[in-house]
Each structure stands twice: as structure tokens, then as C-alpha cells.
């Protein structure tokens, strides 16, 4: 079990949105997760987390070296996260790979996220 004092990092949850590109198509943008307050959508502010590195990889890709890092992100339990979202931490984008949800009674939620790869990677 994680003690609340160990949640010592701030993260922002991002949600993918599609906006018209002016040419009949759509562009992908990212916005902060929101929640309903009355009739308004209000951004969810940064949330406290514990970030633990799991493993890193390096690979040669098109003549260059790319590096990725997997993290376990522990936060207070919530039911509004899905794998299509991403996290921002210290200026880095972490793509959510897996959510380890163990039920509504567990006070914490573990998210496995990867940095250093494209959104679809």
C-alpha cells in the first residue's frame, strides 16, 4: 500500500480531441481532462502521483537511436481514466499503456505509462 505522503509528483491527465482542420479533415489535439460542474466543463487540475521507473529500452530506428521508458504511476483511485488518455509529467508525455484497477475499495490506482514513443506507438 502507498502512503499518501509518497504521492509527491504532480501530473496532468490529457484527453485526445479532434478539431476541424479547415480542409474537411480533422487534427488531433490534447486537452486537460474535465469534469462536469453544474452546466460547465471544468478542467481537472494537476493530481498527486508517485512515479516509479520500471524499465527502459533503446532501439535503432531509421538510422537513429530512440529511447523509451516505462513507469508505474500511482494515484488516488478514480474511475475516469482510460488507456487512450495520456499523462504529462515534468514536461514529458507519458502514454497510458495499462490501468491496473483493483476495485472501488482500493484507495490507489496503478497506471503503466510509457515515455519516448509516439502517441500510437
C-alpha atoms as a PDB file:
ATOM      1  CA  UNK A   1       0.000   0.000   0.000  1.00  0.00           C
ATOM      2  CA  UNK A   2       1.192   3.509  -0.812  1.00  0.00           C
ATOM      3  CA  UNK A   3       1.182   6.144   1.909  1.00  0.00           C
ATOM      4  CA  UNK A   4      -0.356   9.481   0.830  1.00  0.00           C
ATOM      5  CA  UNK A   5       2.924  11.279   1.584  1.00  0.00           C
ATOM      6  CA  UNK A   6       4.637   9.267  -1.162  1.00  0.00           C
ATOM      7  CA  UNK A   7       2.425  10.874  -3.840  1.00  0.00           C
ATOM      8  CA  UNK A   8       4.991  13.632  -4.346  1.00  0.00           C
ATOM      9  CA  UNK A   9       4.767  14.437  -8.063  1.00  0.00           C
ATOM     10  CA  UNK A  10       2.141  16.436  -9.973  1.00  0.00           C
ATOM     11  CA  UNK A  11       0.695  15.091 -13.245  1.00  0.00           C
ATOM     12  CA  UNK A  12      -1.933  16.313 -15.686  1.00  0.00           C
ATOM     13  CA  UNK A  13      -4.282  13.898 -17.458  1.00  0.00           C
ATOM     14  CA  UNK A  14      -4.746  14.645 -21.178  1.00  0.00           C
ATOM     15  CA  UNK A  15      -7.675  13.677 -23.389  1.00  0.00           C
ATOM     16  CA  UNK A  16      -7.431  13.378 -27.168  1.00  0.00           C
ATOM     17  CA  UNK A  17      -9.849  15.585 -29.117  1.00  0.00           C
ATOM     18  CA  UNK A  18     -10.434  16.016 -32.842  1.00  0.00           C
ATOM     19  CA  UNK A  19     -10.846  19.523 -34.236  1.00  0.00           C
ATOM     20  CA  UNK A  20     -11.693  20.590 -37.805  1.00  0.00           C
ATOM     21  CA  UNK A  21      -8.568  21.405 -39.824  1.00  0.00           C
ATOM     22  CA  UNK A  22     -10.363  23.780 -42.225  1.00  0.00           C
ATOM     23  CA  UNK A  23      -9.861  21.446 -45.181  1.00  0.00           C
ATOM     24  CA  UNK A  24     -12.615  18.949 -44.418  1.00  0.00           C
ATOM     25  CA  UNK A  25     -10.467  16.775 -42.185  1.00  0.00           C
ATOM     26  CA  UNK A  26      -9.620  16.765 -38.510  1.00  0.00           C
ATOM     27  CA  UNK A  27      -6.485  17.332 -36.463  1.00  0.00           C
ATOM     28  CA  UNK A  28      -5.681  15.616 -33.178  1.00  0.00           C
ATOM     29  CA  UNK A  29      -5.180  17.888 -30.172  1.00  0.00           C
ATOM     30  CA  UNK A  30      -4.846  17.187 -26.470  1.00  0.00           C
ATOM     31  CA  UNK A  31      -6.723  18.936 -23.661  1.00  0.00           C
ATOM     32  CA  UNK A  32      -6.757  18.535 -19.903  1.00  0.00           C
ATOM     33  CA  UNK A  33      -9.311  16.089 -18.523  1.00  0.00           C
ATOM     34  CA  UNK A  34     -12.505  17.885 -17.453  1.00  0.00           C
ATOM     35  CA  UNK A  35     -15.408  17.128 -15.160  1.00  0.00           C
ATOM     36  CA  UNK A  36     -18.946  18.485 -15.016  1.00  0.00           C
ATOM     37  CA  UNK A  37     -19.696  21.262 -12.517  1.00  0.00           C
ATOM     38  CA  UNK A  38     -23.298  22.361 -12.945  1.00  0.00           C
ATOM     39  CA  UNK A  39     -23.612  23.059 -16.664  1.00  0.00           C
ATOM     40  CA  UNK A  40     -19.892  23.759 -17.167  1.00  0.00           C
ATOM     41  CA  UNK A  41     -16.951  21.523 -18.037  1.00  0.00           C
ATOM     42  CA  UNK A  42     -14.102  22.397 -15.663  1.00  0.00           C
ATOM     43  CA  UNK A  43     -10.513  21.166 -16.207  1.00  0.00           C
ATOM     44  CA  UNK A  44      -9.263  18.689 -13.630  1.00  0.00           C
ATOM     45  CA  UNK A  45      -6.194  20.286 -12.117  1.00  0.00           C
ATOM     46  CA  UNK A  46      -2.888  18.531 -11.611  1.00  0.00           C
ATOM     47  CA  UNK A  47      -3.192  15.426  -9.446  1.00  0.00           C
ATOM     48  CA  UNK A  48      -0.700  13.986  -6.981  1.00  0.00           C
ATOM     49  CA  UNK A  49       1.164  10.860  -8.081  1.00  0.00           C
ATOM     50  CA  UNK A  50       4.078   8.614  -7.275  1.00  0.00           C
ATOM     51  CA  UNK A  51       6.248   7.917 -10.348  1.00  0.00           C
ATOM     52  CA  UNK A  52       8.386   4.771 -10.326  1.00  0.00           C
ATOM     53  CA  UNK A  53      10.596   3.816 -13.287  1.00  0.00           C
ATOM     54  CA  UNK A  54      10.046   0.216 -14.390  1.00  0.00           C
ATOM     55  CA  UNK A  55      12.384  -0.296 -17.356  1.00  0.00           C
ATOM     56  CA  UNK A  56      13.922   1.472 -20.323  1.00  0.00           C
ATOM     57  CA  UNK A  57      14.641   0.471 -23.913  1.00  0.00           C
ATOM     58  CA  UNK A  58      16.782   1.726 -26.745  1.00  0.00           C
ATOM     59  CA  UNK A  59      16.274   0.792 -30.385  1.00  0.00           C
ATOM     60  CA  UNK A  60      17.744   1.733 -33.730  1.00  0.00           C
ATOM     61  CA  UNK A  61      15.029   3.265 -35.884  1.00  0.00           C
ATOM     62  CA  UNK A  62      15.668   4.627 -39.396  1.00  0.00           C
ATOM     63  CA  UNK A  63      19.330   5.131 -38.693  1.00  0.00           C
ATOM     64  CA  UNK A  64      18.845   6.819 -35.302  1.00  0.00           C
ATOM     65  CA  UNK A  65      18.553   5.625 -31.743  1.00  0.00           C
ATOM     66  CA  UNK A  66      15.211   6.017 -29.961  1.00  0.00           C
ATOM     67  CA  UNK A  67      14.775   5.542 -26.239  1.00  0.00           C
ATOM     68  CA  UNK A  68      11.637   4.771 -24.260  1.00  0.00           C
ATOM     69  CA  UNK A  69      10.955   4.464 -20.545  1.00  0.00           C
ATOM     70  CA  UNK A  70       8.132   2.610 -18.767  1.00  0.00           C
ATOM     71  CA  UNK A  71       6.774   3.994 -15.499  1.00  0.00           C
ATOM     72  CA  UNK A  72       4.348   2.884 -12.816  1.00  0.00           C
ATOM     73  CA  UNK A  73       2.253   5.913 -11.892  1.00  0.00           C
ATOM     74  CA  UNK A  74       0.364   5.543  -8.617  1.00  0.00           C
ATOM     75  CA  UNK A  75      -2.533   7.925  -7.979  1.00  0.00           C
ATOM     76  CA  UNK A  76      -5.616   8.017  -5.775  1.00  0.00           C
ATOM     77  CA  UNK A  77      -8.299   5.702  -7.130  1.00  0.00           C
ATOM     78  CA  UNK A  78     -10.546   7.198  -9.806  1.00  0.00           C
ATOM     79  CA  UNK A  79     -12.830   5.722 -12.440  1.00  0.00           C
ATOM     80  CA  UNK A  80     -12.466   8.275 -15.251  1.00  0.00           C
ATOM     81  CA  UNK A  81      -9.161   7.113 -16.777  1.00  0.00           C
ATOM     82  CA  UNK A  82      -8.908   5.057 -19.983  1.00  0.00           C
ATOM     83  CA  UNK A  83      -5.926   3.813 -21.990  1.00  0.00           C
ATOM     84  CA  UNK A  84      -6.495   6.344 -24.794  1.00  0.00           C
ATOM     85  CA  UNK A  85      -5.516   9.184 -22.431  1.00  0.00           C
ATOM     86  CA  UNK A  86      -2.030  10.355 -21.647  1.00  0.00           C
ATOM     87  CA  UNK A  87      -0.219  11.944 -18.730  1.00  0.00           C
ATOM     88  CA  UNK A  88       2.084  14.953 -18.604  1.00  0.00           C
ATOM     89  CA  UNK A  89       4.845  14.935 -16.018  1.00  0.00           C
ATOM     90  CA  UNK A  90       7.774  17.354 -15.787  1.00  0.00           C
ATOM     91  CA  UNK A  91       7.273  18.357 -19.428  1.00  0.00           C
ATOM     92  CA  UNK A  92       7.252  14.741 -20.636  1.00  0.00           C
ATOM     93  CA  UNK A  93       4.345  12.953 -22.283  1.00  0.00           C
ATOM     94  CA  UNK A  94       3.535   9.520 -20.844  1.00  0.00           C
ATOM     95  CA  UNK A  95       1.225   7.384 -22.979  1.00  0.00           C
ATOM     96  CA  UNK A  96      -1.024   5.183 -20.840  1.00  0.00           C
ATOM     97  CA  UNK A  97      -0.455   1.521 -21.716  1.00  0.00           C
ATOM     98  CA  UNK A  98      -2.400  -0.251 -18.953  1.00  0.00           C
ATOM     99  CA  UNK A  99      -4.587   0.671 -15.988  1.00  0.00           C
ATOM    100  CA  UNK A 100      -4.333  -1.726 -13.050  1.00  0.00           C
ATOM    101  CA  UNK A 101      -7.695  -1.192 -11.401  1.00  0.00           C
ATOM    102  CA  UNK A 102      -8.320  -3.457  -8.409  1.00  0.00           C
ATOM    103  CA  UNK A 103     -11.784  -2.246  -7.440  1.00  0.00           C
ATOM    104  CA  UNK A 104     -13.560   0.690  -5.852  1.00  0.00           C
ATOM    105  CA  UNK A 105     -12.365  -0.113  -2.307  1.00  0.00           C
ATOM    106  CA  UNK A 106      -8.668   0.135  -3.136  1.00  0.00           C
ATOM    107  CA  UNK A 107      -7.518   3.670  -2.284  1.00  0.00           C
ATOM    108  CA  UNK A 108      -4.887   3.728  -5.058  1.00  0.00           C
ATOM    109  CA  UNK A 109      -4.695   3.030  -8.775  1.00  0.00           C
ATOM    110  CA  UNK A 110      -1.578   1.991 -10.724  1.00  0.00           C
ATOM    111  CA  UNK A 111      -1.152   3.182 -14.281  1.00  0.00           C
ATOM    112  CA  UNK A 112       1.573   1.776 -16.531  1.00  0.00           C
ATOM    113  CA  UNK A 113       2.718   4.527 -18.890  1.00  0.00           C
ATOM    114  CA  UNK A 114       5.476   4.929 -21.480  1.00  0.00           C
ATOM    115  CA  UNK A 115       7.553   7.969 -22.373  1.00  0.00           C
ATOM    116  CA  UNK A 116       9.615   8.474 -25.503  1.00  0.00           C
ATOM    117  CA  UNK A 117       7.243   6.925 -28.052  1.00  0.00           C
ATOM    118  CA  UNK A 118       4.722   8.477 -30.452  1.00  0.00           C
ATOM    119  CA  UNK A 119       1.066   8.561 -29.334  1.00  0.00           C
ATOM    120  CA  UNK A 120       0.202   5.457 -31.331  1.00  0.00           C
ATOM    121  CA  UNK A 121       3.457   3.623 -30.515  1.00  0.00           C
END
